[in-house]
PDB file of N, CA and C in Angstrom:
ATOM      1  N   MET A   1     -34.676 226.157 159.016  1.00  0.00           N
ATOM      2  CA  MET A   1     -33.939 226.106 160.271  1.00  0.00           C
ATOM      3  C   MET A   1     -32.733 226.943 160.112  1.00  0.00           C
ATOM      4  N   SER A   2     -32.444 227.898 161.215  1.00  0.00           N
ATOM      5  CA  SER A   2     -31.284 228.650 161.165  1.00  0.00           C
ATOM      6  C   SER A   2     -30.670 228.222 162.471  1.00  0.00           C
ATOM      7  N   VAL A   3     -29.154 228.487 162.353  1.00  0.00           N
ATOM      8  CA  VAL A   3     -28.466 228.195 163.664  1.00  0.00           C
ATOM      9  C   VAL A   3     -27.423 229.255 164.015  1.00  0.00           C
ATOM     10  N   ILE A   4     -27.426 229.810 165.108  1.00  0.00           N
ATOM     11  CA  ILE A   4     -26.251 230.615 165.560  1.00  0.00           C
ATOM     12  C   ILE A   4     -25.509 229.857 166.519  1.00  0.00           C
ATOM     13  N   GLY A   5     -24.263 229.513 165.977  1.00  0.00           N
ATOM     14  CA  GLY A   5     -23.284 228.441 166.783  1.00  0.00           C
ATOM     15  C   GLY A   5     -22.578 228.867 167.870  1.00  0.00           C
ATOM     16  N   GLN A   6     -21.948 228.140 168.488  1.00  0.00           N
ATOM     17  CA  GLN A   6     -21.178 228.448 169.534  1.00  0.00           C
ATOM     18  C   GLN A   6     -19.901 229.179 169.075  1.00  0.00           C
ATOM     19  N   GLY A   7     -19.617 230.308 169.758  1.00  0.00           N
ATOM     20  CA  GLY A   7     -18.495 231.264 169.394  1.00  0.00           C
ATOM     21  C   GLY A   7     -18.967 232.330 168.596  1.00  0.00           C
ATOM     22  N   CYS A   8     -20.323 232.524 168.066  1.00  0.00           N
ATOM     23  CA  CYS A   8     -20.959 233.510 167.415  1.00  0.00           C
ATOM     24  C   CYS A   8     -21.278 234.612 168.544  1.00  0.00           C
ATOM     25  N   ILE A   9     -21.064 235.694 168.231  1.00  0.00           N
ATOM     26  CA  ILE A   9     -21.633 236.869 169.134  1.00  0.00           C
ATOM     27  C   ILE A   9     -22.364 237.841 168.149  1.00  0.00           C
ATOM     28  N   LEU A  10     -23.626 238.079 168.470  1.00  0.00           N
ATOM     29  CA  LEU A  10     -24.385 238.942 167.688  1.00  0.00           C
ATOM     30  C   LEU A  10     -25.094 240.058 168.588  1.00  0.00           C
ATOM     31  N   LYS A  11     -25.357 241.156 167.911  1.00  0.00           N
ATOM     32  CA  LYS A  11     -26.117 242.241 168.717  1.00  0.00           C
ATOM     33  C   LYS A  11     -27.102 242.843 167.754  1.00  0.00           C
ATOM     34  N   GLY A  12     -28.160 243.292 168.283  1.00  0.00           N
ATOM     35  CA  GLY A  12     -29.089 244.125 167.410  1.00  0.00           C
ATOM     36  C   GLY A  12     -30.470 243.475 167.457  1.00  0.00           C
ATOM     37  N   ASP A  13     -31.304 243.834 166.385  1.00  0.00           N
ATOM     38  CA  ASP A  13     -32.784 243.177 166.323  1.00  0.00           C
ATOM     39  C   ASP A  13     -32.652 242.098 165.271  1.00  0.00           C
ATOM     40  N   PHE A  14     -33.455 241.028 165.826  1.00  0.00           N
ATOM     41  CA  PHE A  14     -33.335 239.824 164.914  1.00  0.00           C
ATOM     42  C   PHE A  14     -34.723 239.366 164.593  1.00  0.00           C
ATOM     43  N   THR A  15     -35.091 239.118 163.477  1.00  0.00           N
ATOM     44  CA  THR A  15     -36.369 238.558 163.025  1.00  0.00           C
ATOM     45  C   THR A  15     -36.192 237.418 162.188  1.00  0.00           C
ATOM     46  N   PHE A  16     -36.832 236.274 162.420  1.00  0.00           N
ATOM     47  CA  PHE A  16     -36.806 235.009 161.499  1.00  0.00           C
ATOM     48  C   PHE A  16     -38.035 234.399 161.411  1.00  0.00           C
ATOM     49  N   ARG A  17     -38.044 233.598 160.393  1.00  0.00           N
ATOM     50  CA  ARG A  17     -39.144 232.482 160.166  1.00  0.00           C
ATOM     51  C   ARG A  17     -38.715 231.109 160.352  1.00  0.00           C
ATOM     52  N   GLY A  18     -39.573 230.260 160.832  1.00  0.00           N
ATOM     53  CA  GLY A  18     -39.188 228.888 161.090  1.00  0.00           C
ATOM     54  C   GLY A  18     -38.480 228.615 162.381  1.00  0.00           C
ATOM     55  N   THR A  19     -37.527 227.766 162.519  1.00  0.00           N
ATOM     56  CA  THR A  19     -36.965 227.537 163.769  1.00  0.00           C
ATOM     57  C   THR A  19     -35.527 228.180 163.872  1.00  0.00           C
ATOM     58  N   LEU A  20     -35.186 228.837 165.019  1.00  0.00           N
ATOM     59  CA  LEU A  20     -33.880 229.462 165.300  1.00  0.00           C
ATOM     60  C   LEU A  20     -33.298 228.622 166.413  1.00  0.00           C
ATOM     61  N   ILE A  21     -32.015 228.024 166.308  1.00  0.00           N
ATOM     62  CA  ILE A  21     -31.435 227.535 167.328  1.00  0.00           C
ATOM     63  C   ILE A  21     -30.226 228.301 167.561  1.00  0.00           C
ATOM     64  N   LEU A  22     -30.158 228.913 168.979  1.00  0.00           N
ATOM     65  CA  LEU A  22     -29.146 229.591 169.411  1.00  0.00           C
ATOM     66  C   LEU A  22     -28.246 228.973 170.454  1.00  0.00           C
ATOM     67  N   ASN A  23     -27.029 228.697 169.937  1.00  0.00           N
ATOM     68  CA  ASN A  23     -26.124 228.169 170.806  1.00  0.00           C
ATOM     69  C   ASN A  23     -24.767 229.012 171.062  1.00  0.00           C
ATOM     70  N   GLY A  24     -24.870 230.249 170.425  1.00  0.00           N
ATOM     71  CA  GLY A  24     -24.113 231.401 170.789  1.00  0.00           C
ATOM     72  C   GLY A  24     -24.489 232.274 171.635  1.00  0.00           C
ATOM     73  N   GLN A  25     -24.108 233.587 171.330  1.00  0.00           N
ATOM     74  CA  GLN A  25     -24.616 234.654 172.213  1.00  0.00           C
ATOM     75  C   GLN A  25     -25.196 235.783 171.336  1.00  0.00           C
ATOM     76  N   PHE A  26     -26.309 236.307 172.016  1.00  0.00           N
ATOM     77  CA  PHE A  26     -27.051 237.287 171.257  1.00  0.00           C
ATOM     78  C   PHE A  26     -27.502 238.283 172.167  1.00  0.00           C
ATOM     79  N   GLN A  27     -27.334 239.617 171.833  1.00  0.00           N
ATOM     80  CA  GLN A  27     -27.993 240.554 172.781  1.00  0.00           C
ATOM     81  C   GLN A  27     -28.603 241.476 171.915  1.00  0.00           C
ATOM     82  N   GLY A  28     -30.022 241.997 172.398  1.00  0.00           N
ATOM     83  CA  GLY A  28     -30.857 242.913 171.700  1.00  0.00           C
ATOM     84  C   GLY A  28     -32.333 242.484 171.829  1.00  0.00           C
ATOM     85  N   LYS A  29     -32.842 242.268 170.646  1.00  0.00           N
ATOM     86  CA  LYS A  29     -34.297 242.035 170.408  1.00  0.00           C
ATOM     87  C   LYS A  29     -34.546 240.815 169.458  1.00  0.00           C
ATOM     88  N   VAL A  30     -35.582 240.045 169.831  1.00  0.00           N
ATOM     89  CA  VAL A  30     -35.787 238.828 168.891  1.00  0.00           C
ATOM     90  C   VAL A  30     -37.232 238.882 168.687  1.00  0.00           C
ATOM     91  N   VAL A  31     -37.826 238.837 167.438  1.00  0.00           N
ATOM     92  CA  VAL A  31     -39.226 238.894 167.202  1.00  0.00           C
ATOM     93  C   VAL A  31     -39.499 237.775 166.064  1.00  0.00           C
ATOM     94  N   SER A  32     -40.560 236.918 166.378  1.00  0.00           N
ATOM     95  CA  SER A  32     -40.732 235.960 165.347  1.00  0.00           C
ATOM     96  C   SER A  32     -42.235 235.250 165.845  1.00  0.00           C
ATOM     97  N   SER A  33     -42.933 234.847 164.968  1.00  0.00           N
ATOM     98  CA  SER A  33     -44.104 234.102 165.085  1.00  0.00           C
ATOM     99  C   SER A  33     -43.868 232.511 165.223  1.00  0.00           C
ATOM    100  N   ASP A  34     -42.647 232.222 165.102  1.00  0.00           N
ATOM    101  CA  ASP A  34     -42.261 230.800 165.022  1.00  0.00           C
ATOM    102  C   ASP A  34     -41.460 230.190 166.370  1.00  0.00           C
ATOM    103  N   THR A  35     -40.448 229.411 166.150  1.00  0.00           N
ATOM    104  CA  THR A  35     -39.746 228.837 167.418  1.00  0.00           C
ATOM    105  C   THR A  35     -38.449 229.194 167.542  1.00  0.00           C
ATOM    106  N   LEU A  36     -38.202 229.556 168.850  1.00  0.00           N
ATOM    107  CA  LEU A  36     -36.693 229.931 169.136  1.00  0.00           C
ATOM    108  C   LEU A  36     -36.324 228.818 170.141  1.00  0.00           C
ATOM    109  N   ILE A  37     -35.205 228.266 169.843  1.00  0.00           N
ATOM    110  CA  ILE A  37     -34.569 227.181 170.858  1.00  0.00           C
ATOM    111  C   ILE A  37     -33.254 227.931 171.289  1.00  0.00           C
ATOM    112  N   VAL A  38     -33.297 227.893 172.664  1.00  0.00           N
ATOM    113  CA  VAL A  38     -31.829 228.457 173.271  1.00  0.00           C
ATOM    114  C   VAL A  38     -31.159 227.247 173.694  1.00  0.00           C
ATOM    115  N   GLY A  39     -30.196 226.774 173.208  1.00  0.00           N
ATOM    116  CA  GLY A  39     -29.514 225.562 173.452  1.00  0.00           C
ATOM    117  C   GLY A  39     -28.773 225.657 174.796  1.00  0.00           C
ATOM    118  N   GLU A  40     -28.221 224.729 175.506  1.00  0.00           N
ATOM    119  CA  GLU A  40     -27.461 224.563 176.760  1.00  0.00           C
ATOM    120  C   GLU A  40     -26.462 225.542 176.749  1.00  0.00           C
ATOM    121  N   ILE A  41     -25.747 225.865 175.752  1.00  0.00           N
ATOM    122  CA  ILE A  41     -24.512 226.829 175.797  1.00  0.00           C
ATOM    123  C   ILE A  41     -25.063 228.198 175.061  1.00  0.00           C
ATOM    124  N   GLY A  42     -26.212 228.363 174.876  1.00  0.00           N
ATOM    125  CA  GLY A  42     -26.794 229.504 174.342  1.00  0.00           C
ATOM    126  C   GLY A  42     -26.832 230.629 175.562  1.00  0.00           C
ATOM    127  N   ASP A  43     -26.453 231.990 175.095  1.00  0.00           N
ATOM    128  CA  ASP A  43     -26.834 233.011 176.064  1.00  0.00           C
ATOM    129  C   ASP A  43     -27.439 234.182 175.445  1.00  0.00           C
ATOM    130  N   LEU A  44     -28.676 234.494 175.792  1.00  0.00           N
ATOM    131  CA  LEU A  44     -29.556 235.531 175.223  1.00  0.00           C
ATOM    132  C   LEU A  44     -29.807 236.561 176.059  1.00  0.00           C
ATOM    133  N   GLN A  45     -29.298 237.758 175.675  1.00  0.00           N
ATOM    134  CA  GLN A  45     -29.679 238.830 176.432  1.00  0.00           C
ATOM    135  C   GLN A  45     -30.515 239.760 175.742  1.00  0.00           C
ATOM    136  N   ALA A  46     -31.846 239.558 175.803  1.00  0.00           N
ATOM    137  CA  ALA A  46     -32.880 240.190 174.724  1.00  0.00           C
ATOM    138  C   ALA A  46     -34.273 240.042 175.345  1.00  0.00           C
ATOM    139  N   ASP A  47     -35.045 240.950 174.776  1.00  0.00           N
ATOM    140  CA  ASP A  47     -36.312 240.666 174.908  1.00  0.00           C
ATOM    141  C   ASP A  47     -36.916 239.861 173.716  1.00  0.00           C
ATOM    142  N   VAL A  48     -37.767 238.946 174.136  1.00  0.00           N
ATOM    143  CA  VAL A  48     -38.276 237.995 173.116  1.00  0.00           C
ATOM    144  C   VAL A  48     -39.668 237.986 172.682  1.00  0.00           C
ATOM    145  N   ARG A  49     -40.255 238.062 171.658  1.00  0.00           N
ATOM    146  CA  ARG A  49     -41.570 237.690 171.081  1.00  0.00           C
ATOM    147  C   ARG A  49     -41.727 236.863 170.241  1.00  0.00           C
ATOM    148  N   GLY A  50     -42.491 235.800 170.551  1.00  0.00           N
ATOM    149  CA  GLY A  50     -42.401 234.662 169.482  1.00  0.00           C
ATOM    150  C   GLY A  50     -43.713 233.709 169.567  1.00  0.00           C
ATOM    151  N   GLY A  51     -43.653 232.794 168.899  1.00  0.00           N
ATOM    152  CA  GLY A  51     -44.756 231.654 169.111  1.00  0.00           C
ATOM    153  C   GLY A  51     -44.413 230.669 170.013  1.00  0.00           C
ATOM    154  N   VAL A  52     -43.116 230.084 170.062  1.00  0.00           N
ATOM    155  CA  VAL A  52     -42.824 229.035 171.030  1.00  0.00           C
ATOM    156  C   VAL A  52     -41.356 229.500 171.332  1.00  0.00           C
ATOM    157  N   ALA A  53     -41.010 229.227 172.797  1.00  0.00           N
ATOM    158  CA  ALA A  53     -39.628 229.427 173.170  1.00  0.00           C
ATOM    159  C   ALA A  53     -39.376 228.201 173.965  1.00  0.00           C
ATOM    160  N   ILE A  54     -37.952 227.572 173.584  1.00  0.00           N
ATOM    161  CA  ILE A  54     -37.568 226.264 174.337  1.00  0.00           C
ATOM    162  C   ILE A  54     -36.222 226.737 174.784  1.00  0.00           C
ATOM    163  N   VAL A  55     -36.055 226.720 176.053  1.00  0.00           N
ATOM    164  CA  VAL A  55     -34.742 227.285 176.675  1.00  0.00           C
ATOM    165  C   VAL A  55     -34.121 226.223 177.506  1.00  0.00           C
ATOM    166  N   SER A  56     -32.957 226.073 177.175  1.00  0.00           N
ATOM    167  CA  SER A  56     -32.002 225.096 177.864  1.00  0.00           C
ATOM    168  C   SER A  56     -30.747 225.882 178.437  1.00  0.00           C
ATOM    169  N   GLY A  57     -30.534 227.134 177.892  1.00  0.00           N
ATOM    170  CA  GLY A  57     -29.329 227.861 178.232  1.00  0.00           C
ATOM    171  C   GLY A  57     -29.875 228.995 179.233  1.00  0.00           C
ATOM    172  N   GLN A  58     -29.004 230.277 178.861  1.00  0.00           N
ATOM    173  CA  GLN A  58     -29.463 231.405 179.871  1.00  0.00           C
ATOM    174  C   GLN A  58     -30.064 232.261 179.121  1.00  0.00           C
ATOM    175  N   VAL A  59     -31.036 233.196 179.764  1.00  0.00           N
ATOM    176  CA  VAL A  59     -31.735 234.270 179.126  1.00  0.00           C
ATOM    177  C   VAL A  59     -31.903 235.268 180.137  1.00  0.00           C
ATOM    178  N   SER A  60     -31.397 236.518 179.843  1.00  0.00           N
ATOM    179  CA  SER A  60     -31.729 237.514 180.666  1.00  0.00           C
ATOM    180  C   SER A  60     -32.574 238.616 179.835  1.00  0.00           C
ATOM    181  N   GLY A  61     -33.951 238.877 180.143  1.00  0.00           N
ATOM    182  CA  GLY A  61     -34.800 239.747 179.363  1.00  0.00           C
ATOM    183  C   GLY A  61     -36.304 239.093 179.444  1.00  0.00           C
ATOM    184  N   CYS A  62     -37.215 239.821 178.917  1.00  0.00           N
ATOM    185  CA  CYS A  62     -38.494 239.212 178.932  1.00  0.00           C
ATOM    186  C   CYS A  62     -38.961 238.298 177.724  1.00  0.00           C
ATOM    187  N   LEU A  63     -39.473 237.269 178.210  1.00  0.00           N
ATOM    188  CA  LEU A  63     -39.819 236.169 177.138  1.00  0.00           C
ATOM    189  C   LEU A  63     -41.365 236.220 177.137  1.00  0.00           C
ATOM    190  N   THR A  64     -41.824 236.451 175.723  1.00  0.00           N
ATOM    191  CA  THR A  64     -43.289 236.475 175.520  1.00  0.00           C
ATOM    192  C   THR A  64     -43.555 235.556 174.420  1.00  0.00           C
ATOM    193  N   ALA A  65     -44.341 234.634 174.375  1.00  0.00           N
ATOM    194  CA  ALA A  65     -44.651 233.438 173.633  1.00  0.00           C
ATOM    195  C   ALA A  65     -46.157 233.360 173.474  1.00  0.00           C
ATOM    196  N   ARG A  66     -46.750 233.242 172.133  1.00  0.00           N
ATOM    197  CA  ARG A  66     -47.959 233.214 172.037  1.00  0.00           C
ATOM    198  C   ARG A  66     -48.571 231.780 172.244  1.00  0.00           C
ATOM    199  N   GLU A  67     -47.713 230.811 172.006  1.00  0.00           N
ATOM    200  CA  GLU A  67     -48.241 229.428 172.119  1.00  0.00           C
ATOM    201  C   GLU A  67     -47.592 228.774 173.693  1.00  0.00           C
ATOM    202  N   ARG A  68     -46.434 228.630 173.814  1.00  0.00           N
ATOM    203  CA  ARG A  68     -45.901 228.311 175.090  1.00  0.00           C
ATOM    204  C   ARG A  68     -44.446 228.387 175.270  1.00  0.00           C
ATOM    205  N   ILE A  69     -43.944 228.305 176.416  1.00  0.00           N
ATOM    206  CA  ILE A  69     -42.463 228.525 176.997  1.00  0.00           C
ATOM    207  C   ILE A  69     -42.221 227.191 177.651  1.00  0.00           C
ATOM    208  N   GLU A  70     -40.962 226.603 177.178  1.00  0.00           N
ATOM    209  CA  GLU A  70     -40.497 225.451 177.795  1.00  0.00           C
ATOM    210  C   GLU A  70     -39.049 225.646 178.343  1.00  0.00           C
ATOM    211  N   LEU A  71     -39.084 225.629 179.739  1.00  0.00           N
ATOM    212  CA  LEU A  71     -37.597 225.788 180.342  1.00  0.00           C
ATOM    213  C   LEU A  71     -37.206 224.511 180.852  1.00  0.00           C
ATOM    214  N   ARG A  72     -36.221 223.977 180.126  1.00  0.00           N
ATOM    215  CA  ARG A  72     -35.489 222.690 180.352  1.00  0.00           C
ATOM    216  C   ARG A  72     -34.276 222.603 181.074  1.00  0.00           C
ATOM    217  N   GLY A  73     -33.918 221.514 181.909  1.00  0.00           N
ATOM    218  CA  GLY A  73     -32.800 221.177 182.469  1.00  0.00           C
ATOM    219  C   GLY A  73     -32.163 222.283 183.331  1.00  0.00           C
ATOM    220  N   ASN A  74     -31.057 222.764 182.729  1.00  0.00           N
ATOM    221  CA  ASN A  74     -30.131 223.760 183.523  1.00  0.00           C
ATOM    222  C   ASN A  74     -30.423 225.165 182.975  1.00  0.00           C
ATOM    223  N   ALA A  75     -31.616 225.270 182.516  1.00  0.00           N
ATOM    224  CA  ALA A  75     -31.943 226.891 181.939  1.00  0.00           C
ATOM    225  C   ALA A  75     -32.046 227.794 183.152  1.00  0.00           C
ATOM    226  N   LYS A  76     -31.536 228.953 182.927  1.00  0.00           N
ATOM    227  CA  LYS A  76     -31.531 230.181 183.899  1.00  0.00           C
ATOM    228  C   LYS A  76     -32.196 231.317 183.177  1.00  0.00           C
ATOM    229  N   ILE A  77     -33.083 231.641 183.923  1.00  0.00           N
ATOM    230  CA  ILE A  77     -33.873 232.787 183.434  1.00  0.00           C
ATOM    231  C   ILE A  77     -33.780 233.888 184.355  1.00  0.00           C
ATOM    232  N   ARG A  78     -33.536 235.250 183.984  1.00  0.00           N
ATOM    233  CA  ARG A  78     -33.617 236.462 184.658  1.00  0.00           C
ATOM    234  C   ARG A  78     -34.541 237.375 183.914  1.00  0.00           C
ATOM    235  N   GLY A  79     -35.765 237.508 184.124  1.00  0.00           N
ATOM    236  CA  GLY A  79     -36.635 238.304 183.564  1.00  0.00           C
ATOM    237  C   GLY A  79     -38.291 237.750 183.615  1.00  0.00           C
ATOM    238  N   ASP A  80     -38.969 238.477 182.925  1.00  0.00           N
ATOM    239  CA  ASP A  80     -40.374 238.091 183.080  1.00  0.00           C
ATOM    240  C   ASP A  80     -40.933 237.150 181.928  1.00  0.00           C
ATOM    241  N   ILE A  81     -41.799 236.436 182.197  1.00  0.00           N
ATOM    242  CA  ILE A  81     -42.402 235.510 181.196  1.00  0.00           C
ATOM    243  C   ILE A  81     -43.946 235.871 181.182  1.00  0.00           C
ATOM    244  N   VAL A  82     -44.467 235.797 179.913  1.00  0.00           N
ATOM    245  CA  VAL A  82     -45.688 235.934 179.276  1.00  0.00           C
ATOM    246  C   VAL A  82     -46.127 235.032 178.468  1.00  0.00           C
ATOM    247  N   THR A  83     -46.945 234.001 178.687  1.00  0.00           N
ATOM    248  CA  THR A  83     -47.454 233.013 177.960  1.00  0.00           C
ATOM    249  C   THR A  83     -48.506 232.223 178.197  1.00  0.00           C
ATOM    250  N   PRO A  84     -49.332 231.666 177.492  1.00  0.00           N
ATOM    251  CA  PRO A  84     -50.641 230.720 177.985  1.00  0.00           C
ATOM    252  C   PRO A  84     -50.193 229.528 178.570  1.00  0.00           C
ATOM    253  N   ARG A  85     -49.182 228.986 178.200  1.00  0.00           N
ATOM    254  CA  ARG A  85     -48.558 227.555 178.776  1.00  0.00           C
ATOM    255  C   ARG A  85     -46.902 227.768 179.062  1.00  0.00           C
ATOM    256  N   LEU A  86     -46.930 227.256 180.423  1.00  0.00           N
ATOM    257  CA  LEU A  86     -45.468 227.168 180.867  1.00  0.00           C
ATOM    258  C   LEU A  86     -45.005 225.959 181.227  1.00  0.00           C
ATOM    259  N   VAL A  87     -43.883 225.408 180.723  1.00  0.00           N
ATOM    260  CA  VAL A  87     -43.392 223.960 181.212  1.00  0.00           C
ATOM    261  C   VAL A  87     -42.026 224.189 181.874  1.00  0.00           C
ATOM    262  N   LEU A  88     -41.797 223.743 183.090  1.00  0.00           N
ATOM    263  CA  LEU A  88     -40.686 223.859 183.925  1.00  0.00           C
ATOM    264  C   LEU A  88     -40.267 222.624 184.438  1.00  0.00           C
ATOM    265  N   GLU A  89     -38.970 222.160 183.750  1.00  0.00           N
ATOM    266  CA  GLU A  89     -38.276 220.995 184.179  1.00  0.00           C
ATOM    267  C   GLU A  89     -37.591 221.308 185.680  1.00  0.00           C
ATOM    268  N   LYS A  90     -37.252 220.063 186.306  1.00  0.00           N
ATOM    269  CA  LYS A  90     -36.356 220.231 187.365  1.00  0.00           C
ATOM    270  C   LYS A  90     -35.047 220.658 187.021  1.00  0.00           C
ATOM    271  N   GLY A  91     -34.485 221.587 187.970  1.00  0.00           N
ATOM    272  CA  GLY A  91     -33.163 222.103 187.881  1.00  0.00           C
ATOM    273  C   GLY A  91     -33.267 223.423 187.192  1.00  0.00           C
ATOM    274  N   VAL A  92     -34.376 224.045 186.668  1.00  0.00           N
ATOM    275  CA  VAL A  92     -34.484 225.262 186.188  1.00  0.00           C
ATOM    276  C   VAL A  92     -34.240 226.323 187.194  1.00  0.00           C
ATOM    277  N   ILE A  93     -33.729 227.428 186.976  1.00  0.00           N
ATOM    278  CA  ILE A  93     -33.626 228.719 187.759  1.00  0.00           C
ATOM    279  C   ILE A  93     -34.342 229.703 187.112  1.00  0.00           C
ATOM    280  N   PHE A  94     -35.582 230.066 187.741  1.00  0.00           N
ATOM    281  CA  PHE A  94     -36.187 231.317 187.204  1.00  0.00           C
ATOM    282  C   PHE A  94     -36.282 232.424 188.078  1.00  0.00           C
ATOM    283  N   ASN A  95     -35.909 233.608 187.764  1.00  0.00           N
ATOM    284  CA  ASN A  95     -36.034 234.870 188.646  1.00  0.00           C
ATOM    285  C   ASN A  95     -36.824 235.959 187.884  1.00  0.00           C
ATOM    286  N   GLY A  96     -37.963 236.025 188.215  1.00  0.00           N
ATOM    287  CA  GLY A  96     -38.640 236.916 187.388  1.00  0.00           C
ATOM    288  C   GLY A  96     -40.236 236.730 187.712  1.00  0.00           C
ATOM    289  N   HIS A  97     -41.017 237.387 187.060  1.00  0.00           N
ATOM    290  CA  HIS A  97     -42.540 237.277 187.075  1.00  0.00           C
ATOM    291  C   HIS A  97     -43.249 236.405 186.041  1.00  0.00           C
ATOM    292  N   CYS A  98     -44.312 235.734 186.257  1.00  0.00           N
ATOM    293  CA  CYS A  98     -44.962 234.985 185.146  1.00  0.00           C
ATOM    294  C   CYS A  98     -46.354 235.459 185.028  1.00  0.00           C
ATOM    295  N   LYS A  99     -46.764 235.675 183.840  1.00  0.00           N
ATOM    296  CA  LYS A  99     -48.092 236.165 183.588  1.00  0.00           C
ATOM    297  C   LYS A  99     -48.745 235.093 182.635  1.00  0.00           C
ATOM    298  N   MET A 100     -49.767 234.283 183.065  1.00  0.00           N
ATOM    299  CA  MET A 100     -50.363 233.233 182.058  1.00  0.00           C
ATOM    300  C   MET A 100     -51.302 234.097 181.242  1.00  0.00           C
ATOM    301  N   LYS A 101     -50.790 234.545 180.184  1.00  0.00           N
ATOM    302  CA  LYS A 101     -51.712 235.428 179.435  1.00  0.00           C
ATOM    303  C   LYS A 101     -52.745 234.496 178.610  1.00  0.00           C
ATOM    304  N   GLY A 102     -54.010 235.109 178.851  1.00  0.00           N
ATOM    305  CA  GLY A 102     -55.163 234.342 178.086  1.00  0.00           C
ATOM    306  C   GLY A 102     -56.051 233.735 179.363  1.00  0.00           C
ATOM    307  N   GLU A 103     -55.421 233.677 180.561  1.00  0.00           N
ATOM    308  CA  GLU A 103     -55.817 232.918 181.621  1.00  0.00           C
ATOM    309  C   GLU A 103     -57.225 233.542 181.926  1.00  0.00           C
ATOM    310  N   GLU A 104     -57.300 234.886 182.044  1.00  0.00           N
ATOM    311  CA  GLU A 104     -58.698 235.579 182.394  1.00  0.00           C
ATOM    312  C   GLU A 104     -59.854 235.036 181.440  1.00  0.00           C
ATOM    313  N   ARG A 105     -59.620 235.073 180.165  1.00  0.00           N
ATOM    314  CA  ARG A 105     -60.568 234.532 179.256  1.00  0.00           C
ATOM    315  C   ARG A 105     -60.927 233.075 179.452  1.00  0.00           C
ATOM    316  N   GLN A 106     -60.063 232.181 179.727  1.00  0.00           N
ATOM    317  CA  GLN A 106     -60.406 230.816 180.051  1.00  0.00           C
ATOM    318  C   GLN A 106     -61.222 230.728 181.456  1.00  0.00           C
ATOM    319  N   VAL A 107     -60.860 231.513 182.598  1.00  0.00           N
ATOM    320  CA  VAL A 107     -61.629 231.408 183.703  1.00  0.00           C
ATOM    321  C   VAL A 107     -63.042 231.884 183.488  1.00  0.00           C
ATOM    322  N   ALA A 108     -63.163 233.100 182.785  1.00  0.00           N
ATOM    323  CA  ALA A 108     -64.432 233.543 182.358  1.00  0.00           C
ATOM    324  C   ALA A 108     -65.385 232.847 181.732  1.00  0.00           C
ATOM    325  N   HIS A 109     -64.796 231.847 180.763  1.00  0.00           N
ATOM    326  CA  HIS A 109     -65.719 231.035 180.032  1.00  0.00           C
ATOM    327  C   HIS A 109     -66.087 229.721 180.621  1.00  0.00           C
ATOM    328  N   ARG A 110     -65.574 229.456 181.887  1.00  0.00           N
ATOM    329  CA  ARG A 110     -65.877 228.083 182.285  1.00  0.00           C
ATOM    330  C   ARG A 110     -67.287 228.000 182.803  1.00  0.00           C
ATOM    331  N   PRO A 111     -67.803 226.680 182.580  1.00  0.00           N
ATOM    332  CA  PRO A 111     -69.259 226.518 183.046  1.00  0.00           C
ATOM    333  C   PRO A 111     -69.397 226.425 184.530  1.00  0.00           C
ATOM    334  N   SER A 112     -70.584 227.061 184.919  1.00  0.00           N
ATOM    335  CA  SER A 112     -70.887 227.193 186.369  1.00  0.00           C
ATOM    336  C   SER A 112     -71.186 225.724 187.008  1.00  0.00           C
TER     337      SER A 112
END
């Protein structure tokens, strides 16, 4: 598990394994096959490609997750989302488009 704490400001391309908890600020690009957690005080200005994204803070950019995206509490999202599963809690602000990736395959394989 890695943590980018409050007061940290990072820019660039970031790749990680395991779980990353972001409570600071990051600007750039994030790529991982694992879990990104943006805490309540986290501010992410980046395009994200990962396995799971759990957001309670602010994100500006495209979020793409292979497994799921969870938007919790006071999360504020400005950007597009691509994921097979999306969880939205009460209080979330989401401005963007959402594509439920994999939806076409599931519909095509439903029994008549």
